[in-house]
Protein backbone atom coordinates (compact mmCIF):
# COMPACT_ATOMS: atom_id res chain seq x y z
CA SER A 1 -33.51 -51.49 71.32
CA LYS A 2 -36.22 -49.52 69.64
CA ASN A 3 -36.62 -45.89 70.67
CA TYR A 4 -39.68 -46.56 72.82
CA ASP A 5 -38.01 -49.49 74.58
CA ARG A 6 -34.89 -47.43 75.17
CA SER A 7 -36.89 -44.61 76.74
CA LYS A 8 -38.69 -47.07 79.03
CA ILE A 9 -35.35 -48.53 80.14
CA LEU A 10 -33.97 -45.07 80.91
CA TRP A 11 -37.15 -44.16 82.78
CA ALA A 12 -36.92 -47.32 84.90
CA PHE A 13 -33.25 -46.68 85.60
CA GLN A 14 -34.02 -43.12 86.71
CA ARG A 15 -36.87 -44.38 88.93
CA ASN A 16 -34.59 -46.97 90.55
CA LEU A 17 -31.97 -44.31 91.26
CA LYS A 18 -34.60 -42.10 92.91
CA LEU A 19 -35.68 -45.00 95.11
CA SER A 20 -32.11 -45.87 96.04
CA LYS A 21 -31.44 -42.25 96.98
CA LYS A 22 -34.65 -42.06 99.01
CA TYR A 23 -33.89 -45.21 101.00
CA ASP A 24 -30.10 -44.64 101.06
CA THR A 25 -29.15 -47.97 99.51
CA PRO A 26 -25.76 -48.49 97.87
CA VAL A 27 -25.68 -48.48 94.07
CA VAL A 28 -22.96 -49.94 91.88
CA ILE A 29 -22.89 -49.15 88.19
CA SER A 30 -21.16 -51.35 85.66
CA SER A 31 -20.95 -51.56 81.89
CA GLY A 32 -21.89 -55.25 81.99
CA ALA A 33 -19.20 -55.98 79.43
CA ASN A 34 -18.82 -59.52 78.16
CA ASP A 35 -15.57 -58.80 76.35
CA ILE A 36 -12.85 -56.15 76.21
CA TYR A 37 -14.76 -54.11 73.62
CA GLY A 38 -17.74 -53.54 75.91
CA ILE A 39 -15.75 -51.97 78.74
CA LYS A 40 -16.61 -48.32 79.37
CA ALA A 41 -14.41 -45.69 81.00
CA PRO A 42 -15.44 -44.42 84.44
CA GLY A 43 -15.90 -40.96 82.96
CA ASP A 44 -18.41 -42.32 80.45
CA LEU A 45 -20.38 -44.04 83.21
CA ARG A 46 -20.34 -40.87 85.30
CA GLY A 47 -21.54 -38.85 82.31
CA PHE A 48 -24.44 -41.26 81.90
CA LEU A 49 -25.25 -40.98 85.61
CA ASN A 50 -25.19 -37.19 85.40
CA THR A 51 -27.95 -37.35 82.78
CA VAL A 52 -30.30 -39.49 84.89
CA ALA A 53 -29.36 -38.30 88.41
CA ASP A 54 -27.92 -35.22 90.06
CA PRO A 55 -24.10 -34.82 89.93
CA LEU A 56 -23.53 -35.18 93.70
CA TYR A 57 -25.41 -38.46 93.84
CA SER A 58 -23.62 -39.76 90.75
CA LYS A 59 -20.29 -38.99 92.45
CA LYS A 60 -21.44 -41.00 95.48
CA ILE A 61 -22.37 -43.94 93.23
CA ILE A 62 -18.95 -43.89 91.54
CA GLU A 63 -17.23 -43.85 94.97
CA THR A 64 -19.26 -46.84 96.21
CA THR A 65 -17.28 -49.28 94.08
CA SER A 66 -13.93 -48.14 95.45
CA LYS A 67 -15.28 -48.33 99.01
CA ILE A 68 -16.33 -51.95 98.45
CA ILE A 69 -12.88 -52.78 97.06
CA ASP A 70 -11.14 -51.09 100.02
CA TYR A 71 -13.34 -52.99 102.48
CA ARG A 72 -12.61 -56.32 100.79
CA LEU A 73 -8.87 -55.61 100.87
CA TYR A 74 -9.17 -54.71 104.56
CA LEU A 75 -10.87 -58.05 105.29
CA LYS A 76 -7.93 -59.89 103.69
CA ASN A 77 -5.48 -58.48 106.27
CA LYS A 78 -3.94 -61.12 108.53
CA ASN A 79 -5.10 -59.41 111.73
CA VAL A 80 -8.79 -59.46 110.67
CA LEU A 81 -10.45 -62.70 111.75
CA MET A 82 -13.95 -61.83 110.52
CA PRO A 83 -15.92 -58.63 109.89
CA GLY A 84 -15.93 -56.67 113.14
CA LEU A 85 -13.29 -58.87 114.84
CA GLU A 86 -9.60 -58.19 114.52
CA ILE A 87 -6.43 -58.72 116.50
CA VAL A 88 -4.89 -55.51 117.87
CA GLU A 89 -1.35 -55.64 119.21
CA GLU A 90 0.11 -52.86 121.31
């Protein structure tokens, strides 16, 4: 992108993060890689988030992805019939 376009994209990203923090909505950040060469390390993504948001909120955003994965793995347990309904044996 050109420099002006790049600055507008960063401004919009920062605005969206402010809105998501204000309304407490979950945010997931991804590199959007189409191939193996576009994959970014989590530290690189966190560094980018630290530049456009405060460090505590960027930590929360990074943790959101692992929480989603943990929840999905929990739903695949055999004792979970559907979200909120599970079989408990004593």
